[in-house]
Amino acid sequence: MASANEKTISSSSGKSDPCWKYVQCINPNNKNDLKCNFCNKVTKGEIFRAKQHIVGGFRNTTICQRCPPPVREEIQSFMINKVNASKMLEGNFLDNIIEEDAFGGDEEDADERTIMMSSHQGSSKILNAKKRQRQKGPMDLYFTQNAENSRKKEKNLKQTTINDTCKKELRERACREIARWLYDAAILFNAVKYPQFQVMIDAIGQYGIGMKAPSYHEVRVSLLNKEMEDGKKILQSYEEEWAHYGCSIMADGWTDKRNRTLINFLVNSPKGTVFLESIDASGYAKTGEKMFELLDRMVQRVGEKNVIQVVTDSASVNVFAGKRLEEKYKNLFWTPCAAHCLDLILEDIGKMPNVKRTVQRGISLNSFIYVRPGMVNMLRSFTGQRELVRPGVTRFATAFLTLQRIHKLKNCLRKMFTSEEWEKSKWSKEIAGKKHKLV
């Protein structure tokens, strides 16, 4: 624990530096010499040098070998926050972030006061101060935290700033530039909701002024390759899970605008679902034998000992391929997709006479309204901007979801077809209009 002399000095000097808890002042009349409570080493250079001794990594003093890691992290965080708080701005909001020559202590405070006093004598001196930014070296990598981890720690820290008003204006200008870039590049607004967006902002802030943006080649080639390598490392952790608990291969087939049959292969396990590969299966989906070859290749890729089941839709070629897989691999099961089964059930229900007539009447009502822009505006005014059409994954699901929406909005539809606005409209005079009013 710190001595009474240390407490007297720390309180009289007006410092709230946490390092005072871990050092002692040998001579009350000499604040320059401080003794470490952990290793008893005496440092010369006031509290500034004592912090360097506890944190380590400085040429001016050796690191304390007996300092507990929590104490070292506490002092290091304080030093980093002190550097980040040392920002200055003139009335015209020139970017002049003055970085300290070293961490902590009275020497830093004196440098900051000197620069702030000179800033009021003209913008030329501010530009000179900007040129005096310290050069970053290997030690900065030691103190620079990962941007994502740093963001999490900041939630529990209250950082003081020199001028909150200036920081507010700086943030406003930075946000406008970011927004302008989003508008120019036609990037969706939802992109700012991704957690990685804030991590990117933090990483840029850690670099400081003058960061060169990544080039087209870097984004397209080198950085993309690095992300692919990271993705492969993440996939390895899933593969270990597959070997331990087993997994399911899921084949999701769909048709694009060019009438190509594409199949997305995914692997599901207790840890989560991983995208494996997307294949143009236009030449495979026509025969069961070809589909079997494709599924067999995926089983071999994941590992036949790891695969418990293969899930596909209930198309005839997939049924054939699934049976062949079960014959070849005795520990593997083929399972039809539950969603596809439900869709087939809805299709069969839609063929029942009463249901078929109801679905056709709902489709006819939708068609009558949505081919007339004026009718659409009238509908929205009565339904509170809600639509009758509710798209589903398949056309059969869409039909039943739309019927459900019509049922929920039936009172709104009745008010619309009995309103004065409808009676005065030209559509109420049409035969189709009179017919759909009775629906």
Protein backbone atom coordinates (compact mmCIF):
# COMPACT_ATOMS: atom_id res chain seq x y z
CA MET A 1 0.00 0.00 0.00
CA ALA A 2 1.08 3.59 -0.56
CA SER A 3 2.60 5.47 2.37
CA ALA A 4 1.22 8.56 4.07
CA ASN A 5 3.86 10.67 2.33
CA GLU A 6 2.67 9.45 -1.05
CA LYS A 7 -0.97 10.26 -0.22
CA THR A 8 0.01 13.75 0.91
CA ILE A 9 1.93 14.43 -2.27
CA SER A 10 -0.73 13.00 -4.56
CA SER A 11 -3.49 15.01 -2.94
CA SER A 12 -1.50 18.21 -2.80
CA SER A 13 -0.46 17.96 -6.44
CA GLY A 14 -4.08 17.57 -7.44
CA LYS A 15 -3.38 14.41 -9.43
CA SER A 16 -5.88 11.59 -9.89
CA ASP A 17 -3.25 9.33 -11.45
CA PRO A 18 -3.91 5.72 -10.35
CA CYS A 19 -0.17 5.02 -10.33
CA TRP A 20 0.14 6.82 -6.98
CA LYS A 21 -1.46 3.76 -5.38
CA TYR A 22 1.50 1.59 -6.35
CA VAL A 23 4.53 3.81 -5.60
CA GLN A 24 6.02 5.54 -2.56
CA CYS A 25 7.84 8.83 -2.24
CA ILE A 26 11.20 8.28 -0.52
CA ASN A 27 11.76 11.92 0.40
CA PRO A 28 8.75 14.22 1.01
CA ASN A 29 10.83 17.13 -0.31
CA ASN A 30 11.77 15.32 -3.50
CA LYS A 31 8.94 14.09 -5.74
CA ASN A 32 11.44 13.06 -8.40
CA ASP A 33 12.43 9.76 -6.75
CA LEU A 34 9.63 7.20 -6.38
CA LYS A 35 9.92 3.60 -5.17
CA CYS A 36 7.84 0.79 -6.69
CA ASN A 37 5.72 -1.09 -4.13
CA PHE A 38 6.17 -4.39 -5.98
CA CYS A 39 9.93 -4.63 -6.69
CA ASN A 40 11.26 -1.68 -4.58
CA LYS A 41 13.01 -0.20 -7.62
CA VAL A 42 13.58 3.58 -7.37
CA THR A 43 12.76 5.53 -10.54
CA LYS A 44 13.83 9.10 -11.24
CA GLY A 45 11.39 11.17 -13.24
CA GLU A 46 8.35 11.61 -11.04
CA ILE A 47 5.11 9.69 -11.61
CA PHE A 48 5.66 9.74 -15.38
CA ARG A 49 8.72 7.47 -15.17
CA ALA A 50 7.06 5.27 -12.53
CA LYS A 51 4.20 4.52 -14.94
CA GLN A 52 6.70 3.57 -17.64
CA HIS A 53 8.35 1.20 -15.18
CA ILE A 54 5.06 -0.53 -14.30
CA VAL A 55 3.75 -0.80 -17.87
CA GLY A 56 7.07 -1.65 -19.53
CA GLY A 57 8.23 -1.36 -23.11
CA PHE A 58 10.12 1.93 -22.71
CA ARG A 59 13.84 2.51 -23.18
CA ASN A 60 13.99 4.94 -20.26
CA THR A 61 13.43 2.28 -17.60
CA THR A 62 13.08 -1.45 -17.08
CA ILE A 63 9.75 -3.21 -16.63
CA CYS A 64 8.58 -4.30 -13.19
CA GLN A 65 8.72 -8.09 -13.17
CA ARG A 66 6.54 -8.42 -10.05
CA CYS A 67 3.69 -6.15 -11.11
CA PRO A 68 0.34 -8.04 -11.28
CA PRO A 69 -1.26 -8.08 -14.76
CA PRO A 70 -4.46 -6.29 -13.60
CA VAL A 71 -2.38 -3.38 -12.27
CA ARG A 72 -0.35 -3.17 -15.49
CA GLU A 73 -3.58 -3.13 -17.55
CA GLU A 74 -5.06 -0.43 -15.31
CA ILE A 75 -2.06 1.89 -15.74
CA GLN A 76 -1.80 1.15 -19.47
CA SER A 77 -5.50 1.98 -19.99
CA PHE A 78 -5.07 5.24 -18.08
CA MET A 79 -2.09 6.21 -20.25
CA ILE A 80 -3.94 5.40 -23.47
CA ASN A 81 -7.02 7.38 -22.41
CA LYS A 82 -4.82 10.33 -21.48
CA VAL A 83 -3.30 10.34 -24.96
CA ASN A 84 -6.71 10.08 -26.64
CA ALA A 85 -8.01 12.98 -24.56
CA SER A 86 -5.22 15.27 -25.76
CA LYS A 87 -7.03 16.86 -28.71
CA MET A 88 -7.17 20.50 -29.71
CA LEU A 89 -9.23 22.57 -32.20
CA GLU A 90 -9.34 26.26 -33.22
CA GLY A 91 -12.53 28.28 -33.93
CA ASN A 92 -12.66 27.26 -37.61
CA PHE A 93 -12.42 23.58 -36.59
CA LEU A 94 -9.10 22.82 -38.28
CA ASP A 95 -8.02 19.25 -37.67
CA ASN A 96 -5.16 19.61 -35.22
CA ILE A 97 -5.00 16.56 -33.06
CA ILE A 98 -1.89 17.03 -30.97
CA GLU A 99 -0.41 13.71 -29.99
CA GLU A 100 1.83 13.55 -26.96
CA ASP A 101 5.51 12.74 -27.22
CA ALA A 102 5.19 10.12 -24.47
CA PHE A 103 2.55 8.78 -22.15
CA GLY A 104 1.32 10.30 -18.87
CA GLY A 105 2.87 12.64 -16.35
CA ASP A 106 3.58 16.30 -15.79
CA GLU A 107 5.87 16.52 -18.84
CA GLU A 108 2.92 15.77 -21.10
CA ASP A 109 0.70 18.32 -19.39
CA ALA A 110 3.33 21.00 -19.90
CA ASP A 111 3.62 20.16 -23.61
CA GLU A 112 -0.16 20.34 -24.00
CA ARG A 113 -0.37 23.72 -22.26
CA THR A 114 2.41 25.12 -24.44
CA ILE A 115 0.71 24.05 -27.65
CA MET A 116 -2.70 25.34 -26.52
CA MET A 117 -1.26 28.76 -25.63
CA SER A 118 0.49 29.07 -28.97
CA SER A 119 -2.69 28.10 -30.84
CA HIS A 120 -4.35 31.39 -29.97
CA GLN A 121 -1.60 33.39 -31.72
CA GLY A 122 -2.62 32.38 -35.24
CA SER A 123 -3.38 29.54 -37.56
CA SER A 124 0.22 29.35 -38.74
CA LYS A 125 1.33 28.13 -35.33
CA ILE A 126 -1.48 25.59 -35.35
CA LEU A 127 -0.19 24.19 -38.62
CA ASN A 128 3.29 24.06 -37.13
CA ALA A 129 1.91 22.13 -34.18
CA LYS A 130 0.32 19.71 -36.61
CA LYS A 131 3.71 19.13 -38.23
CA ARG A 132 5.20 18.31 -34.83
CA GLN A 133 3.14 15.14 -34.47
CA ARG A 134 5.31 12.38 -33.13
CA GLN A 135 6.46 9.56 -35.37
CA LYS A 136 4.87 6.22 -34.55
CA GLY A 137 7.09 3.22 -33.97
CA PRO A 138 6.96 -0.39 -32.81
CA MET A 139 5.92 0.65 -29.31
CA ASP A 140 2.63 1.98 -30.71
CA LEU A 141 1.72 -1.53 -31.79
CA TYR A 142 2.17 -2.61 -28.18
CA PHE A 143 -0.18 0.03 -26.84
CA THR A 144 -2.67 0.07 -29.74
CA GLN A 145 -5.50 -2.27 -28.85
CA ASN A 146 -7.60 -4.26 -31.25
CA ALA A 147 -10.34 -1.90 -32.50
CA GLU A 148 -13.18 -4.27 -31.57
CA ASN A 149 -11.81 -4.99 -28.07
CA SER A 150 -11.11 -1.30 -27.52
CA ARG A 151 -14.72 -0.47 -28.38
CA LYS A 152 -16.02 -2.92 -25.75
CA LYS A 153 -13.78 -1.44 -23.04
CA GLU A 154 -14.85 2.13 -23.83
CA LYS A 155 -18.41 1.32 -22.76
CA ASN A 156 -17.17 0.96 -19.17
CA LEU A 157 -14.88 4.00 -19.25
CA LYS A 158 -15.75 7.67 -19.00
CA GLN A 159 -13.24 9.61 -21.07
CA THR A 160 -12.78 13.32 -20.46
CA THR A 161 -12.31 15.64 -23.43
CA ILE A 162 -10.73 19.05 -23.75
CA ASN A 163 -13.67 20.56 -25.55
CA ASP A 164 -16.93 18.63 -25.92
CA THR A 165 -18.37 21.25 -28.28
CA CYS A 166 -15.42 20.92 -30.62
CA LYS A 167 -15.67 17.13 -30.60
CA LYS A 168 -19.36 17.39 -31.42
CA GLU A 169 -18.62 19.57 -34.44
CA LEU A 170 -15.81 17.26 -35.55
CA ARG A 171 -18.09 14.25 -35.33
CA GLU A 172 -20.79 16.09 -37.29
CA ARG A 173 -18.35 16.81 -40.09
CA ALA A 174 -16.97 13.25 -40.12
CA CYS A 175 -20.49 11.77 -40.19
CA ARG A 176 -21.43 14.00 -43.12
CA GLU A 177 -18.42 12.80 -45.09
CA ILE A 178 -19.27 9.18 -44.32
CA ALA A 179 -22.91 9.73 -45.32
CA ARG A 180 -21.85 11.49 -48.53
CA TRP A 181 -19.71 8.49 -49.44
CA LEU A 182 -22.63 6.14 -48.77
CA TYR A 183 -24.87 8.24 -51.04
CA ASP A 184 -22.29 8.43 -53.83
CA ALA A 185 -21.58 4.69 -53.75
CA ALA A 186 -25.32 3.83 -53.51
CA ILE A 187 -24.76 1.72 -50.39
CA LEU A 188 -27.85 0.69 -48.43
CA PHE A 189 -28.46 2.61 -45.20
CA ASN A 190 -28.67 -0.66 -43.26
CA ALA A 191 -24.91 -1.04 -43.78
CA VAL A 192 -24.28 1.27 -40.81
CA LYS A 193 -26.11 -1.19 -38.53
CA TYR A 194 -23.44 -3.83 -38.99
CA PRO A 195 -21.22 -4.11 -35.88
CA GLN A 196 -18.15 -4.20 -38.11
CA PHE A 197 -18.92 -0.65 -39.27
CA GLN A 198 -18.11 0.82 -35.84
CA VAL A 199 -15.03 -1.41 -35.59
CA MET A 200 -13.84 0.09 -38.89
CA ILE A 201 -14.34 3.64 -37.56
CA ASP A 202 -12.37 2.79 -34.40
CA ALA A 203 -9.51 1.30 -36.43
CA ILE A 204 -9.27 4.45 -38.56
CA GLY A 205 -9.25 6.59 -35.42
CA GLN A 206 -6.41 4.54 -33.95
CA TYR A 207 -4.30 5.20 -37.04
CA GLY A 208 -4.84 8.96 -36.89
CA ILE A 209 -4.63 11.72 -39.49
CA GLY A 210 -3.36 10.95 -42.97
CA MET A 211 -4.41 7.32 -43.36
CA LYS A 212 -4.33 6.27 -47.00
CA ALA A 213 -7.53 4.52 -48.08
CA PRO A 214 -7.25 0.94 -49.38
CA SER A 215 -6.81 0.78 -53.14
CA TYR A 216 -9.03 -1.00 -55.63
CA HIS A 217 -6.44 -3.76 -56.00
CA GLU A 218 -6.10 -4.23 -52.24
CA VAL A 219 -9.86 -4.58 -51.72
CA ARG A 220 -10.27 -6.81 -54.76
CA VAL A 221 -7.23 -9.07 -54.34
CA SER A 222 -4.93 -8.94 -51.33
CA LEU A 223 -7.44 -8.03 -48.61
CA LEU A 224 -10.04 -10.39 -50.06
CA ASN A 225 -7.54 -13.24 -49.99
CA LYS A 226 -6.77 -12.50 -46.34
CA GLU A 227 -10.49 -12.61 -45.51
CA MET A 228 -10.76 -15.93 -47.32
CA GLU A 229 -7.92 -17.30 -45.21
CA ASP A 230 -9.67 -16.09 -42.06
CA GLY A 231 -12.87 -17.75 -43.27
CA LYS A 232 -11.05 -21.04 -43.76
CA LYS A 233 -9.71 -20.84 -40.21
CA ILE A 234 -13.24 -20.30 -38.91
CA LEU A 235 -14.45 -23.24 -41.01
CA GLN A 236 -11.82 -25.46 -39.38
CA SER A 237 -13.44 -24.95 -35.98
CA TYR A 238 -16.76 -26.07 -37.47
CA GLU A 239 -15.14 -29.11 -39.07
CA GLU A 240 -13.88 -30.18 -35.65
CA GLU A 241 -17.46 -29.90 -34.40
CA TRP A 242 -18.70 -32.03 -37.31
CA ALA A 243 -16.24 -34.79 -36.45
CA HIS A 244 -17.31 -34.75 -32.80
CA TYR A 245 -21.11 -34.40 -33.01
CA GLY A 246 -21.95 -35.11 -36.66
CA CYS A 247 -23.72 -32.82 -39.12
CA SER A 248 -26.43 -32.54 -41.79
CA ILE A 249 -25.91 -31.50 -45.41
CA MET A 250 -28.75 -29.31 -46.69
CA ALA A 251 -29.33 -28.72 -50.41
CA ASP A 252 -31.38 -25.62 -51.23
CA GLY A 253 -32.34 -25.54 -54.91
CA TRP A 254 -33.72 -22.53 -56.77
CA THR A 255 -34.00 -21.12 -60.30
CA ASP A 256 -32.58 -17.73 -61.28
CA LYS A 257 -33.79 -15.27 -63.93
CA ARG A 258 -31.74 -17.03 -66.60
CA ASN A 259 -33.56 -20.31 -65.87
CA ARG A 260 -30.47 -21.90 -64.35
CA THR A 261 -30.97 -24.47 -61.60
CA LEU A 262 -28.70 -23.48 -58.72
CA ILE A 263 -28.15 -25.45 -55.53
CA ASN A 264 -26.73 -23.95 -52.35
CA PHE A 265 -25.11 -26.53 -50.10
CA LEU A 266 -25.04 -25.80 -46.37
CA VAL A 267 -23.80 -27.84 -43.41
CA ASN A 268 -25.73 -27.71 -40.15
CA SER A 269 -24.41 -28.78 -36.75
CA PRO A 270 -25.07 -27.84 -33.10
CA LYS A 271 -22.54 -25.02 -33.50
CA GLY A 272 -24.48 -23.45 -36.38
CA THR A 273 -25.03 -23.50 -40.14
CA VAL A 274 -22.16 -22.93 -42.58
CA PHE A 275 -22.41 -22.16 -46.30
CA LEU A 276 -20.33 -24.71 -48.19
CA GLU A 277 -20.74 -24.14 -51.92
CA SER A 278 -23.12 -22.96 -54.64
CA ILE A 279 -23.28 -25.05 -57.81
CA ASP A 280 -24.93 -24.61 -61.19
CA ALA A 281 -26.82 -27.90 -61.25
CA SER A 282 -28.63 -27.38 -64.55
CA GLY A 283 -26.98 -30.53 -65.90
CA TYR A 284 -27.50 -32.52 -62.68
CA ALA A 285 -31.14 -31.83 -61.86
CA LYS A 286 -32.48 -33.66 -64.93
CA THR A 287 -31.54 -37.21 -63.93
CA GLY A 288 -31.42 -38.96 -60.58
CA GLU A 289 -28.04 -40.54 -61.34
CA LYS A 290 -26.42 -37.15 -61.93
CA MET A 291 -27.96 -35.77 -58.75
CA PHE A 292 -26.64 -38.77 -56.82
CA GLU A 293 -23.12 -38.05 -58.11
CA LEU A 294 -23.40 -34.44 -56.94
CA LEU A 295 -24.68 -35.34 -53.47
CA ASP A 296 -22.08 -38.09 -53.14
CA ARG A 297 -19.34 -35.58 -53.92
CA MET A 298 -20.59 -33.30 -51.13
CA VAL A 299 -20.67 -36.18 -48.66
CA GLN A 300 -17.07 -37.04 -49.53
CA ARG A 301 -16.05 -33.41 -49.11
CA VAL A 302 -17.55 -33.10 -45.62
CA GLY A 303 -16.53 -36.64 -44.64
CA GLU A 304 -18.77 -39.67 -44.77
CA LYS A 305 -18.13 -40.39 -41.07
CA ASN A 306 -19.32 -36.90 -40.16
CA VAL A 307 -22.57 -36.80 -42.15
CA ILE A 308 -25.70 -38.04 -40.40
CA GLN A 309 -28.31 -36.98 -42.95
CA VAL A 310 -28.72 -35.25 -46.31
CA VAL A 311 -31.74 -32.95 -46.69
CA THR A 312 -33.21 -32.09 -50.13
CA ASP A 313 -36.63 -31.30 -51.54
CA SER A 314 -39.03 -34.04 -52.61
CA ALA A 315 -38.46 -33.86 -56.37
CA SER A 316 -38.34 -37.28 -58.03
CA VAL A 317 -34.65 -36.97 -58.99
CA ASN A 318 -33.79 -36.09 -55.38
CA VAL A 319 -35.80 -39.03 -54.03
CA PHE A 320 -33.85 -41.36 -56.32
CA ALA A 321 -30.52 -39.80 -55.34
CA GLY A 322 -31.41 -39.99 -51.64
CA LYS A 323 -32.21 -43.69 -51.84
CA ARG A 324 -28.90 -44.35 -53.62
CA LEU A 325 -27.05 -42.50 -50.87
CA GLU A 326 -28.69 -44.62 -48.18
CA GLU A 327 -27.67 -47.76 -50.08
CA LYS A 328 -24.05 -46.63 -50.34
CA TYR A 329 -23.67 -45.20 -46.82
CA LYS A 330 -25.36 -47.36 -44.18
CA ASN A 331 -24.95 -44.72 -41.44
CA LEU A 332 -26.55 -41.93 -43.50
CA PHE A 333 -30.20 -40.95 -43.88
CA TRP A 334 -31.89 -39.00 -46.66
CA THR A 335 -34.59 -36.64 -45.37
CA PRO A 336 -37.08 -34.64 -47.47
CA CYS A 337 -37.22 -30.92 -46.73
CA ALA A 338 -40.04 -30.08 -44.31
CA ALA A 339 -40.65 -26.68 -45.92
CA HIS A 340 -41.03 -28.29 -49.34
CA CYS A 341 -43.41 -30.87 -47.90
CA LEU A 342 -45.55 -28.10 -46.40
CA ASP A 343 -45.58 -26.33 -49.76
CA LEU A 344 -46.80 -29.49 -51.46
CA ILE A 345 -49.49 -29.84 -48.79
CA LEU A 346 -50.66 -26.28 -49.51
CA GLU A 347 -50.71 -27.08 -53.22
CA ASP A 348 -52.93 -30.11 -52.62
CA ILE A 349 -55.22 -28.14 -50.30
CA GLY A 350 -55.51 -25.47 -52.98
CA LYS A 351 -56.92 -28.08 -55.38
CA MET A 352 -59.97 -28.72 -53.17
CA PRO A 353 -63.07 -27.16 -54.89
CA ASN A 354 -64.16 -24.82 -52.08
CA VAL A 355 -60.61 -23.69 -51.31
CA LYS A 356 -59.81 -23.26 -54.99
CA ARG A 357 -62.83 -20.96 -55.51
CA THR A 358 -61.89 -18.90 -52.43
CA VAL A 359 -58.28 -18.52 -53.59
CA GLN A 360 -59.42 -17.48 -57.08
CA ARG A 361 -61.76 -14.83 -55.64
CA GLY A 362 -58.94 -13.43 -53.50
CA ILE A 363 -56.57 -13.34 -56.48
CA SER A 364 -59.25 -11.66 -58.60
CA LEU A 365 -59.82 -8.97 -55.94
CA ASN A 366 -56.09 -8.29 -55.72
CA SER A 367 -55.77 -8.06 -59.48
CA PHE A 368 -58.70 -5.64 -59.74
CA ILE A 369 -57.18 -3.28 -57.17
CA TYR A 370 -53.48 -3.42 -58.02
CA VAL A 371 -53.81 -2.84 -61.77
CA ARG A 372 -55.45 0.53 -61.00
CA PRO A 373 -53.07 3.01 -59.27
CA GLY A 374 -56.01 5.13 -58.09
CA MET A 375 -57.59 2.11 -56.42
CA VAL A 376 -54.28 1.31 -54.71
CA ASN A 377 -54.15 4.81 -53.20
CA MET A 378 -57.76 4.52 -52.05
CA LEU A 379 -57.04 1.10 -50.49
CA ARG A 380 -54.03 2.42 -48.56
CA SER A 381 -56.02 5.34 -47.19
CA PHE A 382 -58.51 2.90 -45.63
CA THR A 383 -56.01 0.23 -44.48
CA GLY A 384 -53.45 2.56 -42.92
CA GLN A 385 -50.90 2.03 -45.72
CA ARG A 386 -51.10 -1.76 -45.33
CA GLU A 387 -51.09 -3.95 -48.43
CA LEU A 388 -53.34 -6.86 -49.36
CA VAL A 389 -50.55 -8.81 -51.02
CA ARG A 390 -48.21 -10.60 -48.62
CA PRO A 391 -45.41 -12.30 -50.58
CA GLY A 392 -44.29 -15.75 -49.46
CA VAL A 393 -41.40 -18.01 -50.36
CA THR A 394 -43.51 -19.90 -52.92
CA ARG A 395 -46.60 -19.03 -54.94
CA PHE A 396 -48.77 -21.44 -52.94
CA ALA A 397 -47.69 -19.88 -49.66
CA THR A 398 -48.28 -16.41 -51.14
CA ALA A 399 -51.87 -17.29 -52.05
CA PHE A 400 -52.77 -18.41 -48.52
CA LEU A 401 -50.89 -15.55 -46.85
CA THR A 402 -52.78 -13.10 -49.06
CA LEU A 403 -56.10 -14.69 -48.06
CA GLN A 404 -55.09 -14.28 -44.43
CA ARG A 405 -54.32 -10.59 -45.01
CA ILE A 406 -57.69 -10.03 -46.76
CA HIS A 407 -59.45 -11.65 -43.80
CA LYS A 408 -57.66 -9.37 -41.32
CA LEU A 409 -58.48 -6.27 -43.38
CA LYS A 410 -62.06 -7.24 -44.23
CA ASN A 411 -63.56 -4.40 -42.17
CA CYS A 412 -61.31 -1.88 -43.93
CA LEU A 413 -62.35 -3.28 -47.31
CA ARG A 414 -66.04 -3.04 -46.39
CA LYS A 415 -65.61 0.59 -45.38
CA MET A 416 -63.85 1.34 -48.65
CA PHE A 417 -66.52 -0.30 -50.86
CA THR A 418 -69.32 1.48 -48.98
CA SER A 419 -67.62 4.88 -48.79
CA GLU A 420 -68.67 8.02 -50.64
CA GLU A 421 -65.27 8.10 -52.33
CA TRP A 422 -65.93 4.69 -53.87
CA GLU A 423 -69.45 5.58 -54.99
CA LYS A 424 -68.18 8.69 -56.79
CA SER A 425 -65.30 6.86 -58.47
CA LYS A 426 -65.45 5.56 -62.02
CA TRP A 427 -64.55 2.05 -60.85
CA SER A 428 -67.84 1.65 -58.99
CA LYS A 429 -69.63 1.93 -62.33
CA GLU A 430 -67.65 -0.89 -63.91
CA ILE A 431 -69.04 -4.41 -63.99
CA ALA A 432 -65.87 -5.76 -62.34
CA GLY A 433 -66.18 -3.12 -59.62
CA LYS A 434 -69.76 -4.11 -58.80
CA LYS A 435 -68.72 -7.76 -58.77
CA HIS A 436 -65.82 -7.28 -56.36
CA LYS A 437 -67.89 -5.08 -54.08
CA LEU A 438 -69.97 -8.18 -53.28
CA VAL A 439 -66.88 -10.19 -52.38
